[in-house]
Amino acid sequence: MSKERARRRAELLAVHEREKAARARRVARRERRRTLTRKLTPRRRGTGRIYRRSRAERAGIVVVPLAASALVWVLIGDIALRVVLIALIILILPALVVVVLGRR
């Protein structure tokens, strides 16, 4: 009886050892893959925010051209001149934003 228990215990220990070794191989493989992906992926720079302007700056970027366009529409009588001036406002806006608010 005790020989049978010893044999079963030995078999069970052997099975546990194989499972433990397989688990260790999986963990090691996962760690190698994790370190490799960390090496290959680019590092983030900055704060992680995509758009770095404040709410007031973004509102200014929208409101100022709209106000200028409204002024052009009200003060200028010729329709062709209105369209040209509004197109000019739209074209100049990106350069104006960079100059006034900075590139950051």
N, C-alpha and C. Protein backbone atom coordinates (compact mmCIF):
# COMPACT_ATOMS: atom_id res chain seq x y z
N MET A 1 0.81 -1.18 0.00
CA MET A 1 0.00 0.00 0.00
C MET A 1 0.86 1.26 0.00
N SER A 2 1.88 1.30 0.87
CA SER A 2 2.72 2.49 0.93
C SER A 2 3.57 2.65 -0.33
N LYS A 3 3.92 1.51 -0.97
CA LYS A 3 4.68 1.59 -2.22
C LYS A 3 3.81 2.20 -3.32
N GLU A 4 2.54 1.81 -3.29
CA GLU A 4 1.60 2.36 -4.28
C GLU A 4 1.44 3.87 -4.08
N ARG A 5 1.27 4.31 -2.83
CA ARG A 5 1.16 5.75 -2.54
C ARG A 5 2.43 6.48 -2.93
N ALA A 6 3.57 5.92 -2.66
CA ALA A 6 4.85 6.54 -3.01
C ALA A 6 4.97 6.66 -4.53
N ARG A 7 4.54 5.63 -5.25
CA ARG A 7 4.62 5.67 -6.71
C ARG A 7 3.67 6.76 -7.26
N ARG A 8 2.44 6.80 -6.72
CA ARG A 8 1.49 7.82 -7.17
C ARG A 8 1.98 9.22 -6.83
N ARG A 9 2.55 9.38 -5.65
CA ARG A 9 3.11 10.68 -5.25
C ARG A 9 4.25 11.07 -6.17
N ALA A 10 5.11 10.12 -6.54
CA ALA A 10 6.21 10.40 -7.46
C ALA A 10 5.68 10.80 -8.84
N GLU A 11 4.64 10.09 -9.31
CA GLU A 11 4.05 10.45 -10.60
C GLU A 11 3.44 11.86 -10.54
N LEU A 12 2.74 12.13 -9.45
CA LEU A 12 2.12 13.45 -9.29
C LEU A 12 3.17 14.55 -9.22
N LEU A 13 4.26 14.29 -8.49
CA LEU A 13 5.35 15.27 -8.43
C LEU A 13 5.98 15.48 -9.80
N ALA A 14 6.13 14.40 -10.57
CA ALA A 14 6.70 14.53 -11.91
C ALA A 14 5.79 15.37 -12.81
N VAL A 15 4.48 15.13 -12.69
CA VAL A 15 3.54 15.92 -13.49
C VAL A 15 3.60 17.39 -13.08
N HIS A 16 3.64 17.65 -11.77
CA HIS A 16 3.73 19.03 -11.29
C HIS A 16 5.02 19.70 -11.75
N GLU A 17 6.11 18.97 -11.74
CA GLU A 17 7.39 19.53 -12.19
C GLU A 17 7.34 19.88 -13.66
N ARG A 18 6.72 19.01 -14.49
CA ARG A 18 6.60 19.31 -15.92
C ARG A 18 5.74 20.55 -16.15
N GLU A 19 4.62 20.63 -15.41
CA GLU A 19 3.75 21.80 -15.53
C GLU A 19 4.47 23.07 -15.09
N LYS A 20 5.23 22.96 -14.03
CA LYS A 20 5.99 24.11 -13.52
C LYS A 20 7.03 24.57 -14.53
N ALA A 21 7.71 23.61 -15.16
CA ALA A 21 8.72 23.95 -16.17
C ALA A 21 8.06 24.60 -17.39
N ALA A 22 6.91 24.06 -17.80
CA ALA A 22 6.21 24.64 -18.95
C ALA A 22 5.74 26.05 -18.63
N ARG A 23 5.23 26.25 -17.41
CA ARG A 23 4.80 27.59 -16.99
C ARG A 23 5.98 28.56 -16.97
N ALA A 24 7.12 28.09 -16.49
CA ALA A 24 8.31 28.94 -16.45
C ALA A 24 8.76 29.31 -17.86
N ARG A 25 8.67 28.35 -18.80
CA ARG A 25 9.03 28.67 -20.20
C ARG A 25 8.08 29.70 -20.79
N ARG A 26 6.77 29.56 -20.49
CA ARG A 26 5.80 30.54 -21.00
C ARG A 26 6.06 31.93 -20.43
N VAL A 27 6.34 31.98 -19.14
CA VAL A 27 6.61 33.28 -18.50
C VAL A 27 7.87 33.90 -19.08
N ALA A 28 8.91 33.09 -19.27
CA ALA A 28 10.16 33.61 -19.84
C ALA A 28 9.94 34.10 -21.27
N ARG A 29 9.16 33.35 -22.05
CA ARG A 29 8.87 33.77 -23.43
C ARG A 29 8.09 35.07 -23.43
N ARG A 30 7.12 35.20 -22.53
CA ARG A 30 6.33 36.42 -22.43
C ARG A 30 7.20 37.61 -22.06
N GLU A 31 8.11 37.41 -21.12
CA GLU A 31 9.02 38.49 -20.72
C GLU A 31 9.94 38.90 -21.85
N ARG A 32 10.47 37.92 -22.60
CA ARG A 32 11.33 38.25 -23.74
C ARG A 32 10.56 39.04 -24.79
N ARG A 33 9.32 38.60 -25.06
CA ARG A 33 8.50 39.31 -26.04
C ARG A 33 8.18 40.72 -25.56
N ARG A 34 7.89 40.87 -24.27
CA ARG A 34 7.58 42.18 -23.71
C ARG A 34 8.78 43.12 -23.79
N THR A 35 9.96 42.62 -23.46
CA THR A 35 11.15 43.48 -23.54
C THR A 35 11.46 43.84 -24.99
N LEU A 36 11.25 42.90 -25.91
CA LEU A 36 11.50 43.20 -27.31
C LEU A 36 10.54 44.26 -27.83
N THR A 37 9.26 44.14 -27.48
CA THR A 37 8.31 45.16 -27.95
C THR A 37 8.60 46.51 -27.32
N ARG A 38 9.07 46.52 -26.08
CA ARG A 38 9.42 47.81 -25.46
C ARG A 38 10.62 48.43 -26.15
N LYS A 39 11.55 47.60 -26.60
CA LYS A 39 12.71 48.14 -27.31
C LYS A 39 12.32 48.69 -28.68
N LEU A 40 11.41 48.02 -29.35
CA LEU A 40 11.07 48.39 -30.72
C LEU A 40 10.06 49.52 -30.83
N THR A 41 9.19 49.69 -29.85
CA THR A 41 8.20 50.76 -29.94
C THR A 41 8.83 52.10 -29.59
N PRO A 42 8.47 53.15 -30.32
CA PRO A 42 9.06 54.46 -30.03
C PRO A 42 8.57 55.02 -28.70
N ARG A 43 9.42 55.79 -28.09
CA ARG A 43 9.08 56.40 -26.80
C ARG A 43 8.21 57.63 -27.04
N ARG A 44 7.27 57.85 -26.13
CA ARG A 44 6.44 59.05 -26.22
C ARG A 44 7.20 60.23 -25.63
N ARG A 45 7.00 61.36 -26.25
CA ARG A 45 7.60 62.58 -25.73
C ARG A 45 6.48 63.53 -25.34
N GLY A 46 6.76 64.37 -24.38
CA GLY A 46 5.78 65.38 -24.00
C GLY A 46 4.81 64.87 -22.97
N THR A 47 3.69 65.54 -22.91
CA THR A 47 2.71 65.24 -21.86
C THR A 47 1.71 64.19 -22.28
N GLY A 48 1.72 63.82 -23.54
CA GLY A 48 0.75 62.86 -24.01
C GLY A 48 -0.49 63.51 -24.58
N ARG A 49 -0.61 64.81 -24.43
CA ARG A 49 -1.74 65.50 -25.00
C ARG A 49 -1.49 65.71 -26.49
N ILE A 50 -2.50 65.48 -27.28
CA ILE A 50 -2.33 65.62 -28.73
C ILE A 50 -2.34 67.09 -29.12
N TYR A 51 -3.30 67.83 -28.61
CA TYR A 51 -3.42 69.23 -28.98
C TYR A 51 -3.02 70.06 -27.78
N ARG A 52 -1.99 70.87 -27.92
CA ARG A 52 -1.38 71.51 -26.76
C ARG A 52 -1.83 72.95 -26.51
N ARG A 53 -2.85 73.38 -27.17
CA ARG A 53 -3.32 74.75 -26.96
C ARG A 53 -4.41 74.77 -25.89
N SER A 54 -4.49 75.90 -25.20
CA SER A 54 -5.52 76.01 -24.16
C SER A 54 -6.88 76.23 -24.81
N ARG A 55 -7.91 76.15 -24.01
CA ARG A 55 -9.26 76.35 -24.52
C ARG A 55 -9.45 77.77 -25.04
N ALA A 56 -8.86 78.75 -24.37
CA ALA A 56 -8.99 80.15 -24.81
C ALA A 56 -8.27 80.35 -26.15
N GLU A 57 -7.11 79.74 -26.30
CA GLU A 57 -6.39 79.88 -27.57
C GLU A 57 -7.17 79.23 -28.71
N ARG A 58 -7.73 78.05 -28.46
CA ARG A 58 -8.54 77.41 -29.50
C ARG A 58 -9.76 78.24 -29.85
N ALA A 59 -10.38 78.83 -28.84
CA ALA A 59 -11.55 79.70 -29.10
C ALA A 59 -11.13 80.91 -29.92
N GLY A 60 -9.97 81.48 -29.61
CA GLY A 60 -9.47 82.61 -30.38
C GLY A 60 -9.18 82.25 -31.82
N ILE A 61 -8.65 81.04 -32.02
CA ILE A 61 -8.36 80.59 -33.39
C ILE A 61 -9.64 80.49 -34.21
N VAL A 62 -10.75 80.19 -33.56
CA VAL A 62 -12.02 80.08 -34.27
C VAL A 62 -12.74 81.42 -34.37
N VAL A 63 -12.77 82.17 -33.27
CA VAL A 63 -13.59 83.38 -33.20
C VAL A 63 -13.00 84.52 -34.03
N VAL A 64 -11.70 84.73 -33.97
CA VAL A 64 -11.09 85.86 -34.68
C VAL A 64 -11.31 85.79 -36.19
N PRO A 65 -11.06 84.66 -36.85
CA PRO A 65 -11.34 84.62 -38.30
C PRO A 65 -12.83 84.77 -38.63
N LEU A 66 -13.69 84.20 -37.76
CA LEU A 66 -15.12 84.37 -38.01
C LEU A 66 -15.53 85.84 -37.89
N ALA A 67 -14.98 86.54 -36.89
CA ALA A 67 -15.29 87.96 -36.72
C ALA A 67 -14.74 88.77 -37.90
N ALA A 68 -13.53 88.44 -38.32
CA ALA A 68 -12.95 89.14 -39.47
C ALA A 68 -13.77 88.90 -40.72
N SER A 69 -14.22 87.66 -40.91
CA SER A 69 -15.06 87.35 -42.08
C SER A 69 -16.39 88.10 -42.01
N ALA A 70 -16.95 88.18 -40.82
CA ALA A 70 -18.21 88.92 -40.68
C ALA A 70 -18.01 90.40 -40.99
N LEU A 71 -16.89 90.96 -40.51
CA LEU A 71 -16.60 92.37 -40.81
C LEU A 71 -16.42 92.58 -42.31
N VAL A 72 -15.71 91.67 -42.97
CA VAL A 72 -15.52 91.79 -44.42
C VAL A 72 -16.88 91.71 -45.10
N TRP A 73 -17.73 90.80 -44.66
CA TRP A 73 -19.03 90.62 -45.30
C TRP A 73 -19.92 91.85 -45.12
N VAL A 74 -19.82 92.49 -43.96
CA VAL A 74 -20.66 93.65 -43.69
C VAL A 74 -20.11 94.91 -44.34
N LEU A 75 -18.81 95.13 -44.27
CA LEU A 75 -18.23 96.39 -44.73
C LEU A 75 -17.92 96.45 -46.22
N ILE A 76 -17.70 95.32 -46.86
CA ILE A 76 -17.33 95.31 -48.27
C ILE A 76 -18.58 95.03 -49.10
N GLY A 77 -18.78 95.85 -50.12
CA GLY A 77 -20.00 95.73 -50.93
C GLY A 77 -19.87 94.77 -52.09
N ASP A 78 -18.71 94.72 -52.72
CA ASP A 78 -18.52 93.88 -53.90
C ASP A 78 -18.38 92.42 -53.49
N ILE A 79 -19.18 91.54 -54.10
CA ILE A 79 -19.19 90.13 -53.72
C ILE A 79 -17.88 89.43 -54.06
N ALA A 80 -17.28 89.78 -55.21
CA ALA A 80 -16.02 89.15 -55.60
C ALA A 80 -14.91 89.52 -54.61
N LEU A 81 -14.88 90.78 -54.18
CA LEU A 81 -13.89 91.21 -53.21
C LEU A 81 -14.12 90.53 -51.85
N ARG A 82 -15.38 90.33 -51.48
CA ARG A 82 -15.68 89.61 -50.24
C ARG A 82 -15.09 88.20 -50.27
N VAL A 83 -15.34 87.50 -51.36
CA VAL A 83 -14.86 86.11 -51.48
C VAL A 83 -13.34 86.06 -51.45
N VAL A 84 -12.70 86.99 -52.15
CA VAL A 84 -11.23 87.02 -52.17
C VAL A 84 -10.68 87.30 -50.78
N LEU A 85 -11.24 88.27 -50.07
CA LEU A 85 -10.74 88.60 -48.73
C LEU A 85 -10.98 87.46 -47.73
N ILE A 86 -12.12 86.80 -47.81
CA ILE A 86 -12.38 85.67 -46.91
C ILE A 86 -11.43 84.51 -47.23
N ALA A 87 -11.17 84.27 -48.51
CA ALA A 87 -10.19 83.24 -48.89
C ALA A 87 -8.81 83.60 -48.36
N LEU A 88 -8.48 84.88 -48.41
CA LEU A 88 -7.18 85.35 -47.89
C LEU A 88 -7.10 85.13 -46.38
N ILE A 89 -8.18 85.39 -45.68
CA ILE A 89 -8.21 85.15 -44.23
C ILE A 89 -7.97 83.66 -43.95
N ILE A 90 -8.62 82.80 -44.70
CA ILE A 90 -8.47 81.35 -44.50
C ILE A 90 -7.04 80.91 -44.80
N LEU A 91 -6.43 81.49 -45.84
CA LEU A 91 -5.05 81.11 -46.20
C LEU A 91 -4.02 81.63 -45.21
N ILE A 92 -4.25 82.80 -44.67
CA ILE A 92 -3.28 83.42 -43.76
C ILE A 92 -3.40 82.88 -42.33
N LEU A 93 -4.56 82.32 -41.99
CA LEU A 93 -4.82 81.88 -40.62
C LEU A 93 -3.76 80.95 -40.03
N PRO A 94 -3.31 79.88 -40.70
CA PRO A 94 -2.31 79.00 -40.08
C PRO A 94 -0.99 79.71 -39.75
N ALA A 95 -0.53 80.55 -40.67
CA ALA A 95 0.72 81.29 -40.42
C ALA A 95 0.53 82.27 -39.27
N LEU A 96 -0.61 82.90 -39.21
CA LEU A 96 -0.90 83.85 -38.14
C LEU A 96 -0.95 83.16 -36.76
N VAL A 97 -1.53 81.97 -36.73
CA VAL A 97 -1.59 81.20 -35.47
C VAL A 97 -0.19 80.87 -34.99
N VAL A 98 0.68 80.45 -35.89
CA VAL A 98 2.05 80.08 -35.50
C VAL A 98 2.81 81.31 -35.04
N VAL A 99 2.66 82.42 -35.73
CA VAL A 99 3.39 83.64 -35.36
C VAL A 99 2.89 84.20 -34.02
N VAL A 100 1.58 84.27 -33.86
CA VAL A 100 1.03 84.91 -32.66
C VAL A 100 1.12 83.98 -31.45
N LEU A 101 0.72 82.73 -31.59
CA LEU A 101 0.64 81.84 -30.44
C LEU A 101 1.91 80.99 -30.25
N GLY A 102 2.78 80.99 -31.20
CA GLY A 102 4.00 80.21 -31.08
C GLY A 102 3.75 78.77 -31.48
N ARG A 103 4.82 78.09 -31.84
CA ARG A 103 4.73 76.74 -32.36
C ARG A 103 4.61 75.70 -31.27
N ARG A 104 5.28 75.91 -30.17
CA ARG A 104 5.34 75.01 -29.03
C ARG A 104 5.84 73.69 -29.47
